[in-house]
């Protein structure tokens, strides 16, 4: 009986751990995309400002 409970809790722990890991990957992906978009926008602003001066 105790062994069965331990197995159930290990399986629960594995499922919860998987959910957390998936969330971490999604968060990292979102942050990376946002940073790339921000840097692109900053570069665009700089280029547009430089071209107005010529």
PDB file of N, CA and C in Angstrom:
ATOM      1  N   UNK A   1       0.818  -1.201   0.000  1.00  0.00           N
ATOM      2  CA  UNK A   1       0.000   0.000   0.000  1.00  0.00           C
ATOM      3  C   UNK A   1       0.855   1.255   0.000  1.00  0.00           C
ATOM      4  N   UNK A   2       1.840   1.304   0.866  1.00  0.00           N
ATOM      5  CA  UNK A   2       2.709   2.480   0.938  1.00  0.00           C
ATOM      6  C   UNK A   2       3.481   2.646  -0.365  1.00  0.00           C
ATOM      7  N   UNK A   3       3.935   1.542  -0.925  1.00  0.00           N
ATOM      8  CA  UNK A   3       4.672   1.599  -2.187  1.00  0.00           C
ATOM      9  C   UNK A   3       3.796   2.178  -3.297  1.00  0.00           C
ATOM     10  N   UNK A   4       2.535   1.807  -3.301  1.00  0.00           N
ATOM     11  CA  UNK A   4       1.598   2.313  -4.299  1.00  0.00           C
ATOM     12  C   UNK A   4       1.416   3.825  -4.139  1.00  0.00           C
ATOM     13  N   UNK A   5       1.310   4.293  -2.903  1.00  0.00           N
ATOM     14  CA  UNK A   5       1.186   5.729  -2.640  1.00  0.00           C
ATOM     15  C   UNK A   5       2.433   6.473  -3.103  1.00  0.00           C
ATOM     16  N   UNK A   6       3.582   5.904  -2.840  1.00  0.00           N
ATOM     17  CA  UNK A   6       4.842   6.533  -3.252  1.00  0.00           C
ATOM     18  C   UNK A   6       4.891   6.640  -4.769  1.00  0.00           C
ATOM     19  N   UNK A   7       4.494   5.582  -5.452  1.00  0.00           N
ATOM     20  CA  UNK A   7       4.480   5.602  -6.920  1.00  0.00           C
ATOM     21  C   UNK A   7       3.534   6.684  -7.449  1.00  0.00           C
ATOM     22  N   UNK A   8       2.364   6.810  -6.837  1.00  0.00           N
ATOM     23  CA  UNK A   8       1.403   7.833  -7.266  1.00  0.00           C
ATOM     24  C   UNK A   8       1.972   9.229  -7.071  1.00  0.00           C
ATOM     25  N   UNK A   9       2.614   9.458  -5.925  1.00  0.00           N
ATOM     26  CA  UNK A   9       3.184  10.773  -5.663  1.00  0.00           C
ATOM     27  C   UNK A   9       4.368  11.069  -6.584  1.00  0.00           C
ATOM     28  N   UNK A  10       5.141  10.052  -6.915  1.00  0.00           N
ATOM     29  CA  UNK A  10       6.243  10.246  -7.864  1.00  0.00           C
ATOM     30  C   UNK A  10       5.699  10.616  -9.240  1.00  0.00           C
ATOM     31  N   UNK A  11       4.630   9.960  -9.645  1.00  0.00           N
ATOM     32  CA  UNK A  11       4.020  10.282 -10.935  1.00  0.00           C
ATOM     33  C   UNK A  11       3.439  11.691 -10.927  1.00  0.00           C
ATOM     34  N   UNK A  12       2.808  12.062  -9.821  1.00  0.00           N
ATOM     35  CA  UNK A  12       2.277  13.416  -9.684  1.00  0.00           C
ATOM     36  C   UNK A  12       3.407  14.434  -9.759  1.00  0.00           C
ATOM     37  N   UNK A  13       4.481  14.166  -9.040  1.00  0.00           N
ATOM     38  CA  UNK A  13       5.637  15.057  -9.045  1.00  0.00           C
ATOM     39  C   UNK A  13       6.197  15.206 -10.457  1.00  0.00           C
ATOM     40  N   UNK A  14       6.295  14.101 -11.188  1.00  0.00           N
ATOM     41  CA  UNK A  14       6.804  14.147 -12.563  1.00  0.00           C
ATOM     42  C   UNK A  14       5.900  14.994 -13.463  1.00  0.00           C
ATOM     43  N   UNK A  15       4.584  14.862 -13.311  1.00  0.00           N
ATOM     44  CA  UNK A  15       3.657  15.652 -14.129  1.00  0.00           C
ATOM     45  C   UNK A  15       3.766  17.138 -13.800  1.00  0.00           C
ATOM     46  N   UNK A  16       3.828  17.449 -12.515  1.00  0.00           N
ATOM     47  CA  UNK A  16       3.943  18.847 -12.098  1.00  0.00           C
ATOM     48  C   UNK A  16       5.270  19.427 -12.578  1.00  0.00           C
ATOM     49  N   UNK A  17       6.340  18.668 -12.446  1.00  0.00           N
ATOM     50  CA  UNK A  17       7.653  19.126 -12.917  1.00  0.00           C
ATOM     51  C   UNK A  17       7.632  19.400 -14.412  1.00  0.00           C
ATOM     52  N   UNK A  18       6.964  18.549 -15.159  1.00  0.00           N
ATOM     53  CA  UNK A  18       6.861  18.728 -16.608  1.00  0.00           C
ATOM     54  C   UNK A  18       6.100  20.006 -16.950  1.00  0.00           C
ATOM     55  N   UNK A  19       5.032  20.281 -16.225  1.00  0.00           N
ATOM     56  CA  UNK A  19       4.264  21.509 -16.451  1.00  0.00           C
ATOM     57  C   UNK A  19       5.136  22.730 -16.195  1.00  0.00           C
ATOM     58  N   UNK A  20       5.894  22.701 -15.120  1.00  0.00           N
ATOM     59  CA  UNK A  20       6.769  23.826 -14.780  1.00  0.00           C
ATOM     60  C   UNK A  20       7.849  24.012 -15.836  1.00  0.00           C
ATOM     61  N   UNK A  21       8.465  22.929 -16.284  1.00  0.00           N
ATOM     62  CA  UNK A  21       9.508  23.022 -17.313  1.00  0.00           C
ATOM     63  C   UNK A  21       8.945  23.568 -18.619  1.00  0.00           C
ATOM     64  N   UNK A  22       7.769  23.107 -19.008  1.00  0.00           N
ATOM     65  CA  UNK A  22       7.134  23.630 -20.226  1.00  0.00           C
ATOM     66  C   UNK A  22       6.881  25.130 -20.102  1.00  0.00           C
ATOM     67  N   UNK A  23       6.409  25.550 -18.940  1.00  0.00           N
ATOM     68  CA  UNK A  23       6.149  26.975 -18.718  1.00  0.00           C
ATOM     69  C   UNK A  23       7.439  27.782 -18.812  1.00  0.00           C
ATOM     70  N   UNK A  24       8.519  27.265 -18.259  1.00  0.00           N
ATOM     71  CA  UNK A  24       9.809  27.965 -18.324  1.00  0.00           C
ATOM     72  C   UNK A  24      10.258  28.146 -19.769  1.00  0.00           C
ATOM     73  N   UNK A  25      10.086  27.111 -20.583  1.00  0.00           N
ATOM     74  CA  UNK A  25      10.481  27.205 -21.995  1.00  0.00           C
ATOM     75  C   UNK A  25       9.622  28.226 -22.740  1.00  0.00           C
ATOM     76  N   UNK A  26       8.330  28.232 -22.459  1.00  0.00           N
ATOM     77  CA  UNK A  26       7.441  29.203 -23.111  1.00  0.00           C
ATOM     78  C   UNK A  26       7.790  30.628 -22.698  1.00  0.00           C
ATOM     79  N   UNK A  27       8.095  30.814 -21.423  1.00  0.00           N
ATOM     80  CA  UNK A  27       8.474  32.142 -20.932  1.00  0.00           C
ATOM     81  C   UNK A  27       9.756  32.612 -21.607  1.00  0.00           C
ATOM     82  N   UNK A  28      10.754  31.740 -21.678  1.00  0.00           N
ATOM     83  CA  UNK A  28      12.028  32.104 -22.308  1.00  0.00           C
ATOM     84  C   UNK A  28      11.810  32.462 -23.774  1.00  0.00           C
ATOM     85  N   UNK A  29      10.983  31.702 -24.464  1.00  0.00           N
ATOM     86  CA  UNK A  29      10.701  31.962 -25.879  1.00  0.00           C
ATOM     87  C   UNK A  29      10.028  33.326 -26.050  1.00  0.00           C
ATOM     88  N   UNK A  30       9.064  33.615 -25.197  1.00  0.00           N
ATOM     89  CA  UNK A  30       8.356  34.897 -25.263  1.00  0.00           C
ATOM     90  C   UNK A  30       9.299  36.057 -24.986  1.00  0.00           C
ATOM     91  N   UNK A  31      10.136  35.907 -23.979  1.00  0.00           N
ATOM     92  CA  UNK A  31      11.096  36.967 -23.644  1.00  0.00           C
ATOM     93  C   UNK A  31      12.065  37.191 -24.797  1.00  0.00           C
ATOM     94  N   UNK A  32      12.577  36.116 -25.381  1.00  0.00           N
ATOM     95  CA  UNK A  32      13.508  36.251 -26.501  1.00  0.00           C
ATOM     96  C   UNK A  32      12.853  36.965 -27.679  1.00  0.00           C
ATOM     97  N   UNK A  33      11.627  36.593 -28.000  1.00  0.00           N
ATOM     98  CA  UNK A  33      10.920  37.259 -29.102  1.00  0.00           C
ATOM     99  C   UNK A  33      10.726  38.738 -28.817  1.00  0.00           C
ATOM    100  N   UNK A  34      10.342  39.055 -27.603  1.00  0.00           N
ATOM    101  CA  UNK A  34      10.115  40.450 -27.228  1.00  0.00           C
ATOM    102  C   UNK A  34      11.405  41.251 -27.305  1.00  0.00           C
ATOM    103  N   UNK A  35      12.506  40.668 -26.866  1.00  0.00           N
ATOM    104  CA  UNK A  35      13.793  41.367 -26.934  1.00  0.00           C
ATOM    105  C   UNK A  35      14.208  41.615 -28.375  1.00  0.00           C
ATOM    106  N   UNK A  36      14.045  40.620 -29.243  1.00  0.00           N
ATOM    107  CA  UNK A  36      14.401  40.787 -30.653  1.00  0.00           C
ATOM    108  C   UNK A  36      13.553  41.891 -31.278  1.00  0.00           C
ATOM    109  N   UNK A  37      12.263  41.891 -31.014  1.00  0.00           N
ATOM    110  CA  UNK A  37      11.389  42.932 -31.560  1.00  0.00           C
ATOM    111  C   UNK A  37      11.788  44.310 -31.039  1.00  0.00           C
ATOM    112  N   UNK A  38      12.141  44.388 -29.767  1.00  0.00           N
ATOM    113  CA  UNK A  38      12.556  45.673 -29.184  1.00  0.00           C
ATOM    114  C   UNK A  38      13.841  46.174 -29.823  1.00  0.00           C
ATOM    115  N   UNK A  39      14.828  45.292 -29.962  1.00  0.00           N
ATOM    116  CA  UNK A  39      16.099  45.694 -30.570  1.00  0.00           C
ATOM    117  C   UNK A  39      15.899  46.103 -32.024  1.00  0.00           C
ATOM    118  N   UNK A  40      15.028  45.388 -32.749  1.00  0.00           N
ATOM    119  CA  UNK A  40      14.754  45.748 -34.136  1.00  0.00           C
ATOM    120  C   UNK A  40      14.128  47.140 -34.196  1.00  0.00           C
ATOM    121  N   UNK A  41      13.175  47.418 -33.306  1.00  0.00           N
ATOM    122  CA  UNK A  41      12.525  48.732 -33.277  1.00  0.00           C
ATOM    123  C   UNK A  41      13.514  49.834 -32.930  1.00  0.00           C
ATOM    124  N   UNK A  42      14.406  49.562 -31.997  1.00  0.00           N
ATOM    125  CA  UNK A  42      15.432  50.546 -31.632  1.00  0.00           C
ATOM    126  C   UNK A  42      16.332  50.826 -32.827  1.00  0.00           C
ATOM    127  N   UNK A  43      16.768  49.773 -33.511  1.00  0.00           N
ATOM    128  CA  UNK A  43      17.604  49.943 -34.696  1.00  0.00           C
ATOM    129  C   UNK A  43      16.893  50.728 -35.775  1.00  0.00           C
ATOM    130  N   UNK A  44      15.620  50.450 -35.971  1.00  0.00           N
ATOM    131  CA  UNK A  44      14.825  51.175 -36.967  1.00  0.00           C
ATOM    132  C   UNK A  44      14.760  52.657 -36.626  1.00  0.00           C
ATOM    133  N   UNK A  45      14.524  52.974 -35.367  1.00  0.00           N
ATOM    134  CA  UNK A  45      14.475  54.375 -34.932  1.00  0.00           C
ATOM    135  C   UNK A  45      15.810  55.076 -35.197  1.00  0.00           C
ATOM    136  N   UNK A  46      16.898  54.411 -34.889  1.00  0.00           N
ATOM    137  CA  UNK A  46      18.231  55.001 -35.089  1.00  0.00           C
ATOM    138  C   UNK A  46      18.485  55.240 -36.571  1.00  0.00           C
ATOM    139  N   UNK A  47      18.187  54.250 -37.414  1.00  0.00           N
ATOM    140  CA  UNK A  47      18.398  54.379 -38.860  1.00  0.00           C
ATOM    141  C   UNK A  47      17.554  55.516 -39.424  1.00  0.00           C
ATOM    142  N   UNK A  48      16.289  55.574 -39.034  1.00  0.00           N
ATOM    143  CA  UNK A  48      15.418  56.644 -39.534  1.00  0.00           C
ATOM    144  C   UNK A  48      15.940  58.013 -39.119  1.00  0.00           C
ATOM    145  N   UNK A  49      16.424  58.128 -37.910  1.00  0.00           N
ATOM    146  CA  UNK A  49      16.970  59.406 -37.441  1.00  0.00           C
ATOM    147  C   UNK A  49      18.230  59.768 -38.219  1.00  0.00           C
ATOM    148  N   UNK A  50      19.093  58.787 -38.460  1.00  0.00           N
ATOM    149  CA  UNK A  50      20.325  59.051 -39.212  1.00  0.00           C
ATOM    150  C   UNK A  50      20.009  59.456 -40.651  1.00  0.00           C
ATOM    151  N   UNK A  51      19.050  58.842 -41.283  1.00  0.00           N
ATOM    152  CA  UNK A  51      18.724  59.138 -42.675  1.00  0.00           C
ATOM    153  C   UNK A  51      18.082  60.509 -42.835  1.00  0.00           C
ATOM    154  N   UNK A  52      17.431  61.004 -41.842  1.00  0.00           N
ATOM    155  CA  UNK A  52      16.827  62.340 -41.921  1.00  0.00           C
ATOM    156  C   UNK A  52      17.900  63.417 -41.965  1.00  0.00           C
ATOM    157  N   UNK A  53      19.032  63.146 -41.406  1.00  0.00           N
ATOM    158  CA  UNK A  53      20.109  64.130 -41.371  1.00  0.00           C
ATOM    159  C   UNK A  53      20.887  64.212 -42.668  1.00  0.00           C
ATOM    160  N   UNK A  54      20.659  63.332 -43.614  1.00  0.00           N
ATOM    161  CA  UNK A  54      21.446  63.333 -44.856  1.00  0.00           C
ATOM    162  C   UNK A  54      20.720  64.025 -45.975  1.00  0.00           C
TER     163      UNK A  54
END
